[in-house]
Amino acid sequence: MAKVELKQPIVQAIADDVKGAASVVLVDYRGLTVAQDTALRKQLREAGIMYKVCKNTMMKRAFEGTEFAALDEHLEGPSALAISKDDATAPARILAKFAKDAKALEMKAGVVEGEAYDANGLQALASIPSREELLSKLLGSLQSPITNLARVLNQIAEQGGAEACEAADAEEPVEASAEAEEAPAQE
């Protein structure tokens, strides 16, 4: 069996993994301790991101004819892929945050929604909040005026209710005496 035949399933697996991906980030993981690598893999897995260490030649073959071929020039030294099918900015965000503590981790380049980015571009993308964060901020800003309106209406109701109670207390004796006067007249 030829070496090419043995490598073809690996190349196909990489091609299948990146097919339809929202983003692929290429990293240099040299210098990470086993504990750091394990922690990184755990964070990525929890975010639904696939993390694979692959040979550069295999990745080059898998990227041929795709938008990910833009990563070819960065395939030097040990490389790993962080692949996200859903959240386009998640790999860059998680890797950048992790790299603050693990200085050995280095983002090389990435392709996010069809656009190629270098390490600096990925750092800029990492600063973009996640979709969930943006939605919660939007919801919070939409709820804020409604909450304020409800608070004001509640205060008005409480003040109006207190004034109405005071007015009712002041009117009760008048109404009672008026009823008392009317009662003998009916007899």
C-alpha atoms as a PDB file:
ATOM      1  CA  MET A   1       0.000   0.000   0.000  1.00  0.00           C
ATOM      2  CA  ALA A   2       1.424   3.394  -1.005  1.00  0.00           C
ATOM      3  CA  LYS A   3       1.961   6.215   1.472  1.00  0.00           C
ATOM      4  CA  VAL A   4      -0.428   8.423  -0.483  1.00  0.00           C
ATOM      5  CA  GLU A   5      -3.228   5.895   0.006  1.00  0.00           C
ATOM      6  CA  LEU A   6      -2.588   5.877   3.758  1.00  0.00           C
ATOM      7  CA  LYS A   7      -2.636   9.662   3.958  1.00  0.00           C
ATOM      8  CA  GLN A   8      -5.757  10.163   1.853  1.00  0.00           C
ATOM      9  CA  PRO A   9      -8.241   9.318   4.674  1.00  0.00           C
ATOM     10  CA  ILE A  10      -6.479  11.809   6.974  1.00  0.00           C
ATOM     11  CA  VAL A  11      -6.616  14.551   4.323  1.00  0.00           C
ATOM     12  CA  GLN A  12     -10.288  13.737   3.697  1.00  0.00           C
ATOM     13  CA  ALA A  13     -11.058  13.910   7.430  1.00  0.00           C
ATOM     14  CA  ILE A  14      -9.495  17.378   7.668  1.00  0.00           C
ATOM     15  CA  ALA A  15     -11.376  18.504   4.540  1.00  0.00           C
ATOM     16  CA  ASP A  16     -14.643  17.208   6.038  1.00  0.00           C
ATOM     17  CA  ASP A  17     -13.946  18.997   9.331  1.00  0.00           C
ATOM     18  CA  VAL A  18     -13.373  22.395   7.691  1.00  0.00           C
ATOM     19  CA  LYS A  19     -16.185  22.012   5.153  1.00  0.00           C
ATOM     20  CA  GLY A  20     -18.969  24.412   6.089  1.00  0.00           C
ATOM     21  CA  ALA A  21     -16.981  25.852   9.000  1.00  0.00           C
ATOM     22  CA  ALA A  22     -17.803  29.411  10.069  1.00  0.00           C
ATOM     23  CA  SER A  23     -14.161  29.848  11.080  1.00  0.00           C
ATOM     24  CA  VAL A  24     -10.843  28.057  11.173  1.00  0.00           C
ATOM     25  CA  VAL A  25      -7.975  29.420  13.273  1.00  0.00           C
ATOM     26  CA  LEU A  26      -4.435  28.136  12.904  1.00  0.00           C
ATOM     27  CA  VAL A  27      -2.295  28.161  16.067  1.00  0.00           C
ATOM     28  CA  ASP A  28       1.241  27.364  17.106  1.00  0.00           C
ATOM     29  CA  TYR A  29       1.017  25.383  20.321  1.00  0.00           C
ATOM     30  CA  ARG A  30       4.768  24.911  20.924  1.00  0.00           C
ATOM     31  CA  GLY A  31       5.719  25.406  24.546  1.00  0.00           C
ATOM     32  CA  LEU A  32       2.339  24.638  26.080  1.00  0.00           C
ATOM     33  CA  THR A  33       2.498  22.336  29.072  1.00  0.00           C
ATOM     34  CA  VAL A  34       0.311  19.248  29.138  1.00  0.00           C
ATOM     35  CA  ALA A  35      -1.906  20.904  31.755  1.00  0.00           C
ATOM     36  CA  GLN A  36      -2.295  24.023  29.603  1.00  0.00           C
ATOM     37  CA  ASP A  37      -3.054  21.980  26.495  1.00  0.00           C
ATOM     38  CA  THR A  38      -5.647  19.957  28.399  1.00  0.00           C
ATOM     39  CA  ALA A  39      -7.277  23.123  29.762  1.00  0.00           C
ATOM     40  CA  LEU A  40      -7.324  24.692  26.283  1.00  0.00           C
ATOM     41  CA  ARG A  41      -8.889  21.610  24.705  1.00  0.00           C
ATOM     42  CA  LYS A  42     -11.535  21.547  27.457  1.00  0.00           C
ATOM     43  CA  GLN A  43     -12.481  25.211  26.928  1.00  0.00           C
ATOM     44  CA  LEU A  44     -12.696  24.760  23.167  1.00  0.00           C
ATOM     45  CA  ARG A  45     -14.733  21.555  23.459  1.00  0.00           C
ATOM     46  CA  GLU A  46     -17.196  23.217  25.861  1.00  0.00           C
ATOM     47  CA  ALA A  47     -17.687  25.996  23.294  1.00  0.00           C
ATOM     48  CA  GLY A  48     -18.385  23.451  20.542  1.00  0.00           C
ATOM     49  CA  ILE A  49     -15.059  24.054  18.800  1.00  0.00           C
ATOM     50  CA  MET A  50     -13.083  21.203  17.273  1.00  0.00           C
ATOM     51  CA  TYR A  51      -9.338  21.323  18.001  1.00  0.00           C
ATOM     52  CA  LYS A  52      -6.945  19.169  15.989  1.00  0.00           C
ATOM     53  CA  VAL A  53      -3.197  18.876  15.680  1.00  0.00           C
ATOM     54  CA  CYS A  54      -2.393  18.001  12.063  1.00  0.00           C
ATOM     55  CA  LYS A  55       0.607  17.782   9.798  1.00  0.00           C
ATOM     56  CA  ASN A  56       1.074  20.864   7.637  1.00  0.00           C
ATOM     57  CA  THR A  57       1.275  18.860   4.409  1.00  0.00           C
ATOM     58  CA  MET A  58      -2.023  17.159   5.209  1.00  0.00           C
ATOM     59  CA  MET A  59      -3.699  20.499   5.911  1.00  0.00           C
ATOM     60  CA  LYS A  60      -2.341  21.967   2.660  1.00  0.00           C
ATOM     61  CA  ARG A  61      -3.861  19.106   0.689  1.00  0.00           C
ATOM     62  CA  ALA A  62      -7.158  19.363   2.554  1.00  0.00           C
ATOM     63  CA  PHE A  63      -7.346  23.146   1.987  1.00  0.00           C
ATOM     64  CA  GLU A  64      -6.690  22.916  -1.786  1.00  0.00           C
ATOM     65  CA  GLY A  65      -9.415  24.634  -3.769  1.00  0.00           C
ATOM     66  CA  THR A  66     -11.169  26.054  -0.686  1.00  0.00           C
ATOM     67  CA  GLU A  67     -11.216  29.448   1.001  1.00  0.00           C
ATOM     68  CA  PHE A  68      -8.928  27.930   3.655  1.00  0.00           C
ATOM     69  CA  ALA A  69      -6.053  27.725   1.138  1.00  0.00           C
ATOM     70  CA  ALA A  70      -5.238  31.266   2.352  1.00  0.00           C
ATOM     71  CA  LEU A  71      -3.758  29.594   5.445  1.00  0.00           C
ATOM     72  CA  ASP A  72      -1.096  27.727   3.400  1.00  0.00           C
ATOM     73  CA  GLU A  73       1.544  30.439   3.816  1.00  0.00           C
ATOM     74  CA  HIS A  74       1.217  30.148   7.617  1.00  0.00           C
ATOM     75  CA  LEU A  75       1.701  26.378   7.720  1.00  0.00           C
ATOM     76  CA  GLU A  76       5.191  26.325   9.215  1.00  0.00           C
ATOM     77  CA  GLY A  77       6.207  24.628  12.421  1.00  0.00           C
ATOM     78  CA  PRO A  78       3.791  22.719  14.619  1.00  0.00           C
ATOM     79  CA  SER A  79       0.216  23.706  13.831  1.00  0.00           C
ATOM     80  CA  ALA A  80      -3.190  23.002  15.255  1.00  0.00           C
ATOM     81  CA  LEU A  81      -6.626  23.935  13.964  1.00  0.00           C
ATOM     82  CA  ALA A  82      -9.528  25.339  15.952  1.00  0.00           C
ATOM     83  CA  ILE A  83     -12.689  24.827  13.883  1.00  0.00           C
ATOM     84  CA  SER A  84     -16.103  26.296  14.640  1.00  0.00           C
ATOM     85  CA  LYS A  85     -19.216  25.477  12.646  1.00  0.00           C
ATOM     86  CA  ASP A  86     -21.519  27.922  14.478  1.00  0.00           C
ATOM     87  CA  ASP A  87     -19.938  30.904  16.245  1.00  0.00           C
ATOM     88  CA  ALA A  88     -17.476  32.530  13.847  1.00  0.00           C
ATOM     89  CA  THR A  89     -15.578  34.539  16.456  1.00  0.00           C
ATOM     90  CA  ALA A  90     -15.507  31.926  19.236  1.00  0.00           C
ATOM     91  CA  PRO A  91     -12.161  30.279  18.351  1.00  0.00           C
ATOM     92  CA  ALA A  92     -10.326  33.608  18.121  1.00  0.00           C
ATOM     93  CA  ARG A  93     -11.972  34.860  21.319  1.00  0.00           C
ATOM     94  CA  ILE A  94     -11.162  31.742  23.362  1.00  0.00           C
ATOM     95  CA  LEU A  95      -7.631  31.371  21.985  1.00  0.00           C
ATOM     96  CA  ALA A  96      -6.792  35.053  22.561  1.00  0.00           C
ATOM     97  CA  LYS A  97      -8.098  34.911  26.128  1.00  0.00           C
ATOM     98  CA  PHE A  98      -6.178  31.690  26.799  1.00  0.00           C
ATOM     99  CA  ALA A  99      -2.972  33.130  25.263  1.00  0.00           C
ATOM    100  CA  LYS A 100      -2.966  35.944  27.853  1.00  0.00           C
ATOM    101  CA  ASP A 101      -2.043  33.388  30.522  1.00  0.00           C
ATOM    102  CA  ALA A 102      -0.272  30.857  28.285  1.00  0.00           C
ATOM    103  CA  LYS A 103       2.233  33.034  26.431  1.00  0.00           C
ATOM    104  CA  ALA A 104       3.477  30.040  24.418  1.00  0.00           C
ATOM    105  CA  LEU A 105       0.187  29.797  22.499  1.00  0.00           C
ATOM    106  CA  GLU A 106       0.301  31.874  19.334  1.00  0.00           C
ATOM    107  CA  MET A 107      -2.446  32.472  16.794  1.00  0.00           C
ATOM    108  CA  LYS A 108      -0.938  32.368  13.309  1.00  0.00           C
ATOM    109  CA  ALA A 109      -3.860  33.145  11.011  1.00  0.00           C
ATOM    110  CA  GLY A 110      -7.454  32.270  10.376  1.00  0.00           C
ATOM    111  CA  VAL A 111     -10.344  32.299   7.961  1.00  0.00           C
ATOM    112  CA  VAL A 112     -13.553  33.684   9.413  1.00  0.00           C
ATOM    113  CA  GLU A 113     -16.691  33.574   7.273  1.00  0.00           C
ATOM    114  CA  GLY A 114     -14.594  33.363   4.105  1.00  0.00           C
ATOM    115  CA  GLU A 115     -12.257  36.237   5.012  1.00  0.00           C
ATOM    116  CA  ALA A 116      -8.568  35.563   5.747  1.00  0.00           C
ATOM    117  CA  TYR A 117      -7.033  37.256   8.813  1.00  0.00           C
ATOM    118  CA  ASP A 118      -3.509  37.422  10.160  1.00  0.00           C
ATOM    119  CA  ALA A 119      -2.682  37.250  13.873  1.00  0.00           C
ATOM    120  CA  ASN A 120      -3.467  40.955  14.407  1.00  0.00           C
ATOM    121  CA  GLY A 121      -6.797  40.604  12.613  1.00  0.00           C
ATOM    122  CA  LEU A 122      -7.679  37.643  14.811  1.00  0.00           C
ATOM    123  CA  GLN A 123      -6.862  39.699  17.918  1.00  0.00           C
ATOM    124  CA  ALA A 124      -9.280  42.374  16.695  1.00  0.00           C
ATOM    125  CA  LEU A 125     -11.954  39.723  16.070  1.00  0.00           C
ATOM    126  CA  ALA A 126     -11.382  38.321  19.540  1.00  0.00           C
ATOM    127  CA  SER A 127     -12.516  41.612  21.041  1.00  0.00           C
ATOM    128  CA  ILE A 128     -15.958  41.281  19.424  1.00  0.00           C
ATOM    129  CA  PRO A 129     -18.483  39.971  21.948  1.00  0.00           C
ATOM    130  CA  SER A 130     -20.211  36.670  21.253  1.00  0.00           C
ATOM    131  CA  ARG A 131     -23.641  36.574  19.669  1.00  0.00           C
ATOM    132  CA  GLU A 132     -25.199  35.693  23.037  1.00  0.00           C
ATOM    133  CA  GLU A 133     -23.484  38.650  24.735  1.00  0.00           C
ATOM    134  CA  LEU A 134     -24.685  41.014  22.010  1.00  0.00           C
ATOM    135  CA  LEU A 135     -28.234  39.687  22.241  1.00  0.00           C
ATOM    136  CA  SER A 136     -28.289  40.026  26.022  1.00  0.00           C
ATOM    137  CA  LYS A 137     -27.001  43.617  25.750  1.00  0.00           C
ATOM    138  CA  LEU A 138     -29.691  44.368  23.162  1.00  0.00           C
ATOM    139  CA  LEU A 139     -32.367  42.808  25.342  1.00  0.00           C
ATOM    140  CA  GLY A 140     -31.112  44.770  28.346  1.00  0.00           C
ATOM    141  CA  SER A 141     -31.203  48.036  26.434  1.00  0.00           C
ATOM    142  CA  LEU A 142     -34.715  47.251  25.178  1.00  0.00           C
ATOM    143  CA  GLN A 143     -35.939  46.333  28.656  1.00  0.00           C
ATOM    144  CA  SER A 144     -34.426  49.373  30.336  1.00  0.00           C
ATOM    145  CA  PRO A 145     -36.963  51.955  29.078  1.00  0.00           C
ATOM    146  CA  ILE A 146     -39.841  49.572  29.787  1.00  0.00           C
ATOM    147  CA  THR A 147     -38.563  48.937  33.312  1.00  0.00           C
ATOM    148  CA  ASN A 148     -38.153  52.659  33.924  1.00  0.00           C
ATOM    149  CA  LEU A 149     -41.665  53.335  32.634  1.00  0.00           C
ATOM    150  CA  ALA A 150     -43.093  50.606  34.870  1.00  0.00           C
ATOM    151  CA  ARG A 151     -41.224  52.048  37.866  1.00  0.00           C
ATOM    152  CA  VAL A 152     -42.556  55.555  37.192  1.00  0.00           C
ATOM    153  CA  LEU A 153     -46.113  54.285  36.684  1.00  0.00           C
ATOM    154  CA  ASN A 154     -45.848  52.280  39.892  1.00  0.00           C
ATOM    155  CA  GLN A 155     -44.683  55.349  41.818  1.00  0.00           C
ATOM    156  CA  ILE A 156     -47.527  57.399  40.349  1.00  0.00           C
ATOM    157  CA  ALA A 157     -49.993  54.668  41.259  1.00  0.00           C
ATOM    158  CA  GLU A 158     -48.605  54.466  44.794  1.00  0.00           C
ATOM    159  CA  GLN A 159     -48.765  58.231  45.226  1.00  0.00           C
ATOM    160  CA  GLY A 160     -52.172  58.422  43.552  1.00  0.00           C
ATOM    161  CA  GLY A 161     -53.372  55.478  45.644  1.00  0.00           C
ATOM    162  CA  ALA A 162     -52.190  57.114  48.865  1.00  0.00           C
ATOM    163  CA  GLU A 163     -53.867  60.389  47.931  1.00  0.00           C
ATOM    164  CA  ALA A 164     -57.059  58.527  47.000  1.00  0.00           C
ATOM    165  CA  CYS A 165     -57.021  56.704  50.364  1.00  0.00           C
ATOM    166  CA  GLU A 166     -56.540  59.992  52.221  1.00  0.00           C
ATOM    167  CA  ALA A 167     -59.333  61.573  50.211  1.00  0.00           C
ATOM    168  CA  ALA A 168     -61.583  58.562  50.817  1.00  0.00           C
ATOM    169  CA  ASP A 169     -60.856  58.697  54.563  1.00  0.00           C
ATOM    170  CA  ALA A 170     -61.713  62.385  54.591  1.00  0.00           C
ATOM    171  CA  GLU A 171     -64.918  61.825  52.583  1.00  0.00           C
ATOM    172  CA  GLU A 172     -66.246  58.859  54.578  1.00  0.00           C
ATOM    173  CA  PRO A 173     -67.661  60.838  57.491  1.00  0.00           C
ATOM    174  CA  VAL A 174     -69.320  63.214  55.039  1.00  0.00           C
ATOM    175  CA  GLU A 175     -70.900  60.352  53.095  1.00  0.00           C
ATOM    176  CA  ALA A 176     -71.969  58.600  56.295  1.00  0.00           C
ATOM    177  CA  SER A 177     -73.651  61.699  57.624  1.00  0.00           C
ATOM    178  CA  ALA A 178     -75.303  62.321  54.275  1.00  0.00           C
ATOM    179  CA  GLU A 179     -76.692  58.777  54.311  1.00  0.00           C
ATOM    180  CA  ALA A 180     -77.872  59.267  57.884  1.00  0.00           C
ATOM    181  CA  GLU A 181     -79.763  62.406  56.914  1.00  0.00           C
ATOM    182  CA  GLU A 182     -81.381  60.687  53.943  1.00  0.00           C
ATOM    183  CA  ALA A 183     -82.556  57.685  55.946  1.00  0.00           C
ATOM    184  CA  PRO A 184     -85.035  59.552  58.208  1.00  0.00           C
ATOM    185  CA  ALA A 185     -86.407  61.405  55.226  1.00  0.00           C
ATOM    186  CA  GLN A 186     -87.468  58.154  53.583  1.00  0.00           C
ATOM    187  CA  GLU A 187     -89.562  57.089  56.599  1.00  0.00           C
END
